[in-house]
C-alpha atoms as a PDB file:
ATOM      1  CA  MET A   1       3.284 -19.915  -0.110  1.00  0.00           C
ATOM      2  CA  LYS A   2       6.997 -20.538  -0.401  1.00  0.00           C
ATOM      3  CA  GLU A   3       9.237 -20.769   2.659  1.00  0.00           C
ATOM      4  CA  LYS A   4      10.933 -17.450   1.896  1.00  0.00           C
ATOM      5  CA  GLN A   5       7.560 -15.679   1.609  1.00  0.00           C
ATOM      6  CA  PHE A   6       6.344 -17.350   4.804  1.00  0.00           C
ATOM      7  CA  ILE A   7       9.352 -16.157   6.806  1.00  0.00           C
ATOM      8  CA  LYS A   8       9.172 -12.678   5.279  1.00  0.00           C
ATOM      9  CA  TRP A   9       5.512 -12.368   6.249  1.00  0.00           C
ATOM     10  CA  GLU A  10       6.265 -13.505   9.815  1.00  0.00           C
ATOM     11  CA  ASN A  11       8.810 -10.676  10.046  1.00  0.00           C
ATOM     12  CA  THR A  12       6.272  -8.255   8.589  1.00  0.00           C
ATOM     13  CA  LEU A  13       3.699  -9.343  11.174  1.00  0.00           C
ATOM     14  CA  LYS A  14       6.135  -8.469  13.954  1.00  0.00           C
ATOM     15  CA  LYS A  15       6.360  -4.886  12.661  1.00  0.00           C
ATOM     16  CA  GLY A  16       2.584  -4.543  12.741  1.00  0.00           C
ATOM     17  CA  LYS A  17      -0.338  -3.667  10.546  1.00  0.00           C
ATOM     18  CA  ARG A  18      -0.032   0.107  10.987  1.00  0.00           C
ATOM     19  CA  ASN A  19       3.608   0.090   9.874  1.00  0.00           C
ATOM     20  CA  PHE A  20       2.781  -2.110   6.873  1.00  0.00           C
ATOM     21  CA  ILE A  21      -0.049   0.144   5.729  1.00  0.00           C
ATOM     22  CA  LEU A  22       2.054   3.277   6.198  1.00  0.00           C
ATOM     23  CA  VAL A  23       5.138   1.949   4.391  1.00  0.00           C
ATOM     24  CA  ASN A  24       3.628  -0.305   1.712  1.00  0.00           C
ATOM     25  CA  GLY A  25       0.375   1.529   1.175  1.00  0.00           C
ATOM     26  CA  ILE A  26       0.920   5.231   1.634  1.00  0.00           C
ATOM     27  CA  VAL A  27       4.675   5.720   1.147  1.00  0.00           C
ATOM     28  CA  SER A  28       5.345   3.064  -1.512  1.00  0.00           C
ATOM     29  CA  TRP A  29       2.089   3.350  -3.465  1.00  0.00           C
ATOM     30  CA  GLY A  30       0.080   6.450  -2.530  1.00  0.00           C
ATOM     31  CA  ILE A  31       2.835   9.052  -2.759  1.00  0.00           C
ATOM     32  CA  PRO A  32       4.300   7.805  -6.064  1.00  0.00           C
ATOM     33  CA  MET A  33       0.795   7.635  -7.571  1.00  0.00           C
ATOM     34  CA  PHE A  34       0.083  11.177  -6.333  1.00  0.00           C
ATOM     35  CA  VAL A  35       3.258  12.509  -7.954  1.00  0.00           C
ATOM     36  CA  ILE A  36       2.752  10.649 -11.243  1.00  0.00           C
ATOM     37  CA  MET A  37      -0.956  11.380 -11.616  1.00  0.00           C
ATOM     38  CA  THR A  38      -0.800  14.985 -10.402  1.00  0.00           C
ATOM     39  CA  PHE A  39       2.345  16.254 -12.066  1.00  0.00           C
ATOM     40  CA  PHE A  40       2.906  14.031 -15.095  1.00  0.00           C
ATOM     41  CA  VAL A  41      -0.520  12.892 -16.244  1.00  0.00           C
ATOM     42  CA  ASN A  42      -2.352  16.175 -15.550  1.00  0.00           C
ATOM     43  CA  LYS A  43       0.558  18.303 -16.838  1.00  0.00           C
ATOM     44  CA  PRO A  44       0.545  21.359 -14.545  1.00  0.00           C
ATOM     45  CA  GLU A  45       2.373  23.460 -17.152  1.00  0.00           C
ATOM     46  CA  GLU A  46      -0.909  23.743 -19.042  1.00  0.00           C
ATOM     47  CA  GLY A  47      -2.083  26.175 -16.350  1.00  0.00           C
ATOM     48  CA  ASN A  48      -4.899  24.032 -14.984  1.00  0.00           C
ATOM     49  CA  MET A  49      -3.189  23.191 -11.665  1.00  0.00           C
ATOM     50  CA  SER A  50      -4.070  25.033  -8.449  1.00  0.00           C
ATOM     51  CA  VAL A  51      -2.987  24.555  -4.841  1.00  0.00           C
ATOM     52  CA  VAL A  52      -6.501  23.345  -4.009  1.00  0.00           C
ATOM     53  CA  LEU A  53      -6.370  20.731  -6.768  1.00  0.00           C
ATOM     54  CA  ILE A  54      -2.947  19.557  -5.595  1.00  0.00           C
ATOM     55  CA  CYS A  55      -4.265  19.214  -2.018  1.00  0.00           C
ATOM     56  CA  ILE A  56      -7.328  17.298  -3.210  1.00  0.00           C
ATOM     57  CA  ASN A  57      -5.112  14.953  -5.219  1.00  0.00           C
ATOM     58  CA  ALA A  58      -2.823  14.470  -2.210  1.00  0.00           C
ATOM     59  CA  LEU A  59      -5.809  13.514  -0.057  1.00  0.00           C
ATOM     60  CA  ILE A  60      -7.251  11.165  -2.674  1.00  0.00           C
ATOM     61  CA  TRP A  61      -3.964   9.331  -3.274  1.00  0.00           C
ATOM     62  CA  THR A  62      -3.194   9.143   0.442  1.00  0.00           C
ATOM     63  CA  LEU A  63      -6.571   7.514   1.049  1.00  0.00           C
ATOM     64  CA  GLY A  64      -5.974   5.275  -1.966  1.00  0.00           C
ATOM     65  CA  GLY A  65      -2.629   4.233  -0.502  1.00  0.00           C
ATOM     66  CA  LEU A  66      -4.309   3.552   2.825  1.00  0.00           C
ATOM     67  CA  ALA A  67      -6.877   1.313   1.124  1.00  0.00           C
ATOM     68  CA  PHE A  68      -4.186  -0.394  -0.983  1.00  0.00           C
ATOM     69  CA  GLY A  69      -2.114  -1.113   2.124  1.00  0.00           C
ATOM     70  CA  PHE A  70      -5.118  -2.395   4.059  1.00  0.00           C
ATOM     71  CA  PHE A  71      -6.282  -4.754   1.311  1.00  0.00           C
ATOM     72  CA  THR A  72      -2.739  -5.968   0.651  1.00  0.00           C
ATOM     73  CA  TRP A  73      -2.320  -6.669   4.378  1.00  0.00           C
ATOM     74  CA  SER A  74      -5.647  -8.522   4.495  1.00  0.00           C
ATOM     75  CA  ALA A  75      -4.867 -10.681   1.462  1.00  0.00           C
ATOM     76  CA  SER A  76      -1.358 -11.482   2.680  1.00  0.00           C
ATOM     77  CA  GLU A  77      -2.582 -12.329   6.167  1.00  0.00           C
ATOM     78  CA  ARG A  78      -5.246 -14.643   4.710  1.00  0.00           C
ATOM     79  CA  MET A  79      -2.615 -16.475   2.654  1.00  0.00           C
ATOM     80  CA  TYR A  80      -0.325 -16.710   5.686  1.00  0.00           C
ATOM     81  CA  LYS A  81      -3.056 -18.157   7.916  1.00  0.00           C
ATOM     82  CA  LYS A  82      -4.018 -20.661   5.234  1.00  0.00           C
ATOM     83  CA  GLU A  83      -0.379 -21.741   4.901  1.00  0.00           C
ATOM     84  CA  LEU A  84       0.041 -21.888   8.680  1.00  0.00           C
ATOM     85  CA  ALA A  85      -3.015 -24.158   8.988  1.00  0.00           C
ATOM     86  CA  ARG A  86      -1.677 -26.367   6.189  1.00  0.00           C
ATOM     87  CA  ARG A  87       1.698 -26.680   7.916  1.00  0.00           C
ATOM     88  CA  GLU A  88       0.137 -27.449  11.290  1.00  0.00           C
ATOM     89  CA  SER A  89      -2.044 -30.204   9.833  1.00  0.00           C
ATOM     90  CA  ALA A  90       0.858 -31.806   7.960  1.00  0.00           C
END
């Protein structure tokens, strides 16, 4: 882990896990994926889009964003702890 990444992650840690998952998982990944997959890939102008289907897609992509944020947090925290241990032993 480079110094810049290390410092950035320390700042991210201060903001907390919940904030990270909300911003990086749901807002930055889940919502864009919902919009792209629901309105561009499925092409609602073909008449196959209902309010129920839109709500189901919103739920699925929100949960996907939650999972993405959680796993990204976990992987980043693991790398940070490994780097922290390396620095402390050096």
